[in-house]
Protein backbone atom coordinates (compact mmCIF):
# COMPACT_ATOMS: atom_id res chain seq x y z
CA UNK A 1 -2.53 136.10 63.83
CA UNK A 2 -1.25 138.83 61.47
CA UNK A 3 -2.70 141.50 63.77
CA UNK A 4 -0.91 139.94 66.77
CA UNK A 5 2.41 139.88 64.87
CA UNK A 6 2.01 143.55 63.96
CA UNK A 7 1.32 144.44 67.60
CA UNK A 8 4.40 142.53 68.80
CA UNK A 9 6.54 144.23 66.14
CA UNK A 10 5.24 147.66 67.14
CA UNK A 11 5.91 147.02 70.83
CA UNK A 12 9.44 145.84 69.98
CA UNK A 13 10.16 149.04 68.01
CA UNK A 14 8.84 151.22 70.84
CA UNK A 15 10.87 149.38 73.48
CA UNK A 16 13.98 149.60 71.28
CA UNK A 17 13.45 153.36 70.83
CA UNK A 18 13.06 153.93 74.58
CA UNK A 19 16.07 151.80 75.46
CA UNK A 20 18.22 153.72 72.96
CA UNK A 21 17.14 157.02 74.44
CA UNK A 22 17.81 155.74 77.94
CA UNK A 23 21.30 154.62 76.96
CA UNK A 24 22.09 158.03 75.48
CA UNK A 25 20.89 159.78 78.63
CA UNK A 26 22.86 157.81 81.20
CA UNK A 27 26.49 157.55 80.14
CA UNK A 28 28.24 157.32 83.49
CA UNK A 29 30.11 155.13 85.95
CA UNK A 30 28.69 154.14 89.32
CA UNK A 31 28.46 157.44 91.24
CA UNK A 32 29.64 157.69 94.83
CA UNK A 33 29.14 161.36 95.74
CA UNK A 34 25.76 162.62 96.97
CA UNK A 35 26.53 165.97 95.34
CA UNK A 36 28.97 165.13 92.53
CA UNK A 37 31.86 167.60 92.61
CA UNK A 38 34.84 165.87 91.01
CA UNK A 39 37.09 167.24 88.26
CA UNK A 40 36.17 165.53 84.99
CA UNK A 41 32.44 165.28 85.69
CA UNK A 42 30.13 166.82 83.11
CA UNK A 43 26.44 167.16 82.33
CA UNK A 44 24.77 168.13 79.03
CA UNK A 45 21.35 169.80 78.94
CA UNK A 46 18.76 170.59 76.33
CA UNK A 47 17.77 174.21 76.98
CA UNK A 48 14.76 176.24 75.95
CA UNK A 49 15.39 179.98 76.43
CA UNK A 50 12.61 182.51 75.94
CA UNK A 51 15.10 185.39 75.96
CA UNK A 52 17.46 184.25 73.21
CA UNK A 53 15.72 185.83 70.23
CA UNK A 54 15.20 189.31 71.78
CA UNK A 55 18.82 189.37 73.05
CA UNK A 56 20.57 187.95 70.00
CA UNK A 57 18.58 187.01 66.86
CA UNK A 58 21.43 184.72 65.75
CA UNK A 59 20.91 182.38 68.69
CA UNK A 60 18.09 179.81 68.68
CA UNK A 61 15.54 179.38 71.42
CA UNK A 62 16.63 175.76 71.79
CA UNK A 63 20.27 174.83 72.26
CA UNK A 64 22.62 172.56 74.23
CA UNK A 65 24.65 173.57 77.28
CA UNK A 66 27.52 171.53 78.71
CA UNK A 67 28.47 171.94 82.38
CA UNK A 68 31.96 170.62 83.22
CA UNK A 69 34.06 170.58 86.38
CA UNK A 70 37.45 171.65 85.04
CA UNK A 71 39.69 172.46 88.00
CA UNK A 72 40.28 174.15 91.33
CA UNK A 73 40.92 177.87 91.87
CA UNK A 74 41.82 180.00 94.87
CA UNK A 75 39.36 182.86 95.21
CA UNK A 76 40.27 186.28 96.65
CA UNK A 77 40.24 184.91 100.21
CA UNK A 78 42.91 182.34 99.21
CA UNK A 79 40.53 179.41 99.79
CA UNK A 80 39.98 176.80 97.07
CA UNK A 81 36.80 176.41 95.07
CA UNK A 82 35.92 173.96 92.30
CA UNK A 83 35.56 175.57 88.88
CA UNK A 84 32.42 174.68 86.92
CA UNK A 85 32.49 175.75 83.28
CA UNK A 86 29.13 176.39 81.59
CA UNK A 87 29.52 176.18 77.80
CA UNK A 88 26.84 178.08 75.87
CA UNK A 89 26.62 178.30 72.06
CA UNK A 90 28.11 181.81 72.18
CA UNK A 91 30.76 181.36 74.89
CA UNK A 92 31.58 180.16 78.39
CA UNK A 93 30.52 181.21 81.87
CA UNK A 94 31.89 179.97 85.20
CA UNK A 95 30.71 179.10 88.70
CA UNK A 96 32.85 178.47 91.75
CA UNK A 97 31.63 175.78 94.13
CA UNK A 98 32.61 175.29 97.74
CA UNK A 99 31.39 172.51 100.00
CA UNK A 100 31.65 173.52 103.67
CA UNK A 101 30.26 170.81 105.94
CA UNK A 102 26.65 170.32 104.87
CA UNK A 103 26.57 173.60 102.89
CA UNK A 104 27.17 174.06 99.16
CA UNK A 105 28.09 177.64 98.27
CA UNK A 106 27.85 178.80 94.66
CA UNK A 107 29.69 181.94 93.48
CA UNK A 108 29.75 183.55 90.04
CA UNK A 109 32.50 185.50 88.27
CA UNK A 110 31.08 188.93 89.13
CA UNK A 111 30.24 188.53 92.82
CA UNK A 112 33.46 186.78 93.81
CA UNK A 113 35.93 189.61 93.26
CA UNK A 114 36.13 190.80 96.86
CA UNK A 115 36.20 189.13 100.25
CA UNK A 116 32.92 190.91 101.03
CA UNK A 117 31.33 189.38 97.90
CA UNK A 118 32.16 185.92 99.23
CA UNK A 119 29.96 186.54 102.26
CA UNK A 120 26.97 186.45 99.91
CA UNK A 121 26.99 183.37 97.64
CA UNK A 122 24.61 183.43 94.68
CA UNK A 123 23.14 180.15 95.92
CA UNK A 124 23.30 178.07 99.07
CA UNK A 125 22.17 174.45 99.19
CA UNK A 126 21.99 172.40 102.38
CA UNK A 127 22.67 168.68 101.88
CA UNK A 128 21.48 166.04 102.22
CA UNK A 129 18.09 167.33 101.14
CA UNK A 130 14.96 166.32 103.03
CA UNK A 131 11.28 166.63 102.25
CA UNK A 132 10.02 169.91 103.73
CA UNK A 133 13.39 171.61 104.29
CA UNK A 134 13.38 175.43 104.42
CA UNK A 135 16.39 177.73 104.64
CA UNK A 136 17.38 181.29 103.78
CA UNK A 137 20.40 182.66 101.94
CA UNK A 138 22.32 185.63 103.32
CA UNK A 139 21.73 187.69 100.17
CA UNK A 140 20.21 191.10 100.61
CA UNK A 141 16.41 191.33 100.73
CA UNK A 142 14.63 187.95 100.60
CA UNK A 143 16.04 184.65 99.30
CA UNK A 144 14.22 181.58 100.60
CA UNK A 145 14.61 177.93 99.57
CA UNK A 146 12.13 175.10 100.08
CA UNK A 147 12.42 171.43 99.16
CA UNK A 148 10.01 168.61 98.49
CA UNK A 149 10.55 164.96 97.63
CA UNK A 150 9.27 163.90 94.21
CA UNK A 151 8.80 160.17 93.72
CA UNK A 152 9.11 160.22 89.94
CA UNK A 153 10.49 162.90 87.58
CA UNK A 154 10.39 162.55 83.79
CA UNK A 155 13.23 164.23 81.88
CA UNK A 156 13.81 163.58 78.17
CA UNK A 157 12.21 160.11 78.18
CA UNK A 158 14.16 159.18 81.31
CA UNK A 159 12.49 158.64 84.69
CA UNK A 160 14.25 159.43 87.96
CA UNK A 161 12.83 158.20 91.24
CA UNK A 162 13.14 159.92 94.64
CA UNK A 163 14.44 163.26 93.36
CA UNK A 164 14.22 166.55 95.25
CA UNK A 165 12.44 169.63 93.97
CA UNK A 166 14.16 172.78 95.25
CA UNK A 167 12.29 176.07 94.89
CA UNK A 168 14.27 179.31 95.26
CA UNK A 169 12.35 182.58 95.60
CA UNK A 170 14.48 185.73 95.55
CA UNK A 171 12.88 189.16 95.81
CA UNK A 172 14.91 192.37 95.51
CA UNK A 173 14.70 195.85 93.98
CA UNK A 174 13.15 195.48 90.51
CA UNK A 175 14.18 191.83 90.65
CA UNK A 176 12.31 188.60 91.29
CA UNK A 177 13.49 185.04 90.74
CA UNK A 178 11.16 182.06 91.04
CA UNK A 179 13.51 179.22 90.11
CA UNK A 180 13.07 175.48 90.51
CA UNK A 181 15.79 172.82 90.52
CA UNK A 182 15.26 169.06 90.44
CA UNK A 183 18.15 167.20 92.07
CA UNK A 184 18.81 163.47 91.96
CA UNK A 185 21.29 162.32 94.63
CA UNK A 186 24.52 160.89 93.17
CA UNK A 187 23.70 162.34 89.73
CA UNK A 188 23.18 166.08 90.24
CA UNK A 189 20.76 168.59 88.73
CA UNK A 190 18.49 166.81 86.27
CA UNK A 191 16.13 169.65 85.46
CA UNK A 192 15.95 173.43 85.96
CA UNK A 193 13.09 175.88 85.45
CA UNK A 194 14.20 179.53 85.63
CA UNK A 195 11.56 182.25 85.92
CA UNK A 196 13.46 185.52 86.30
CA UNK A 197 12.70 189.21 86.09
CA UNK A 198 15.55 191.76 86.32
CA UNK A 199 14.21 195.23 85.45
CA UNK A 200 13.45 193.88 81.98
CA UNK A 201 11.09 191.49 80.20
CA UNK A 202 10.55 188.20 82.00
CA UNK A 203 13.02 185.49 80.99
CA UNK A 204 12.10 181.81 81.20
CA UNK A 205 14.48 178.90 80.70
CA UNK A 206 13.95 175.16 80.89
CA UNK A 207 17.00 172.92 81.25
CA UNK A 208 16.61 169.14 80.87
CA UNK A 209 19.42 166.65 81.38
CA UNK A 210 20.48 165.04 78.11
CA UNK A 211 23.56 163.04 79.13
CA UNK A 212 26.20 163.00 81.83
CA UNK A 213 29.45 161.43 82.95
CA UNK A 214 30.64 161.06 86.54
CA UNK A 215 34.09 159.90 87.58
């Protein structure tokens, strides 16, 4: 009888621990957008970065990044884009997102300064995603995306069903990206694995969704 009581107590503690973690990971209202792109949305990620110590010894390998949609901006072609702010421990970076029909175009701060730059988004995603989709970006050289449906993805003690795994392989002069994104419809990117070489030592990053809020 004592052994049974101990087992029940242990199971209760484990279930309480998991439920607490789940609550911390899913702070949001009922989402309505397949690809959430509303001002006020944000996502927080736990990040492991293999390149942090060689680049800046003051920064840890593990840190938190917050991605927030903060406004709308007209780019050089006078067309609006949503502004996504990426808050790192040492400062902010920005992405500009446009949704044109079924196409999501992602621009960065460097390659959005001219109208010609805007012909070559850093990323292109075609939504809604389907198992077995393949498409190519208009970037120079080779930039090919493939998708597959994943029935169950574990991220920080949280399980997401029916997510899409998006693999992006870019190959250019002294550059190769083999990046993977896991996307859960109506939530957004839940996990990222970056495997990138740019004329320098290989850099690997792992982003895992920690919490989020959707308006």
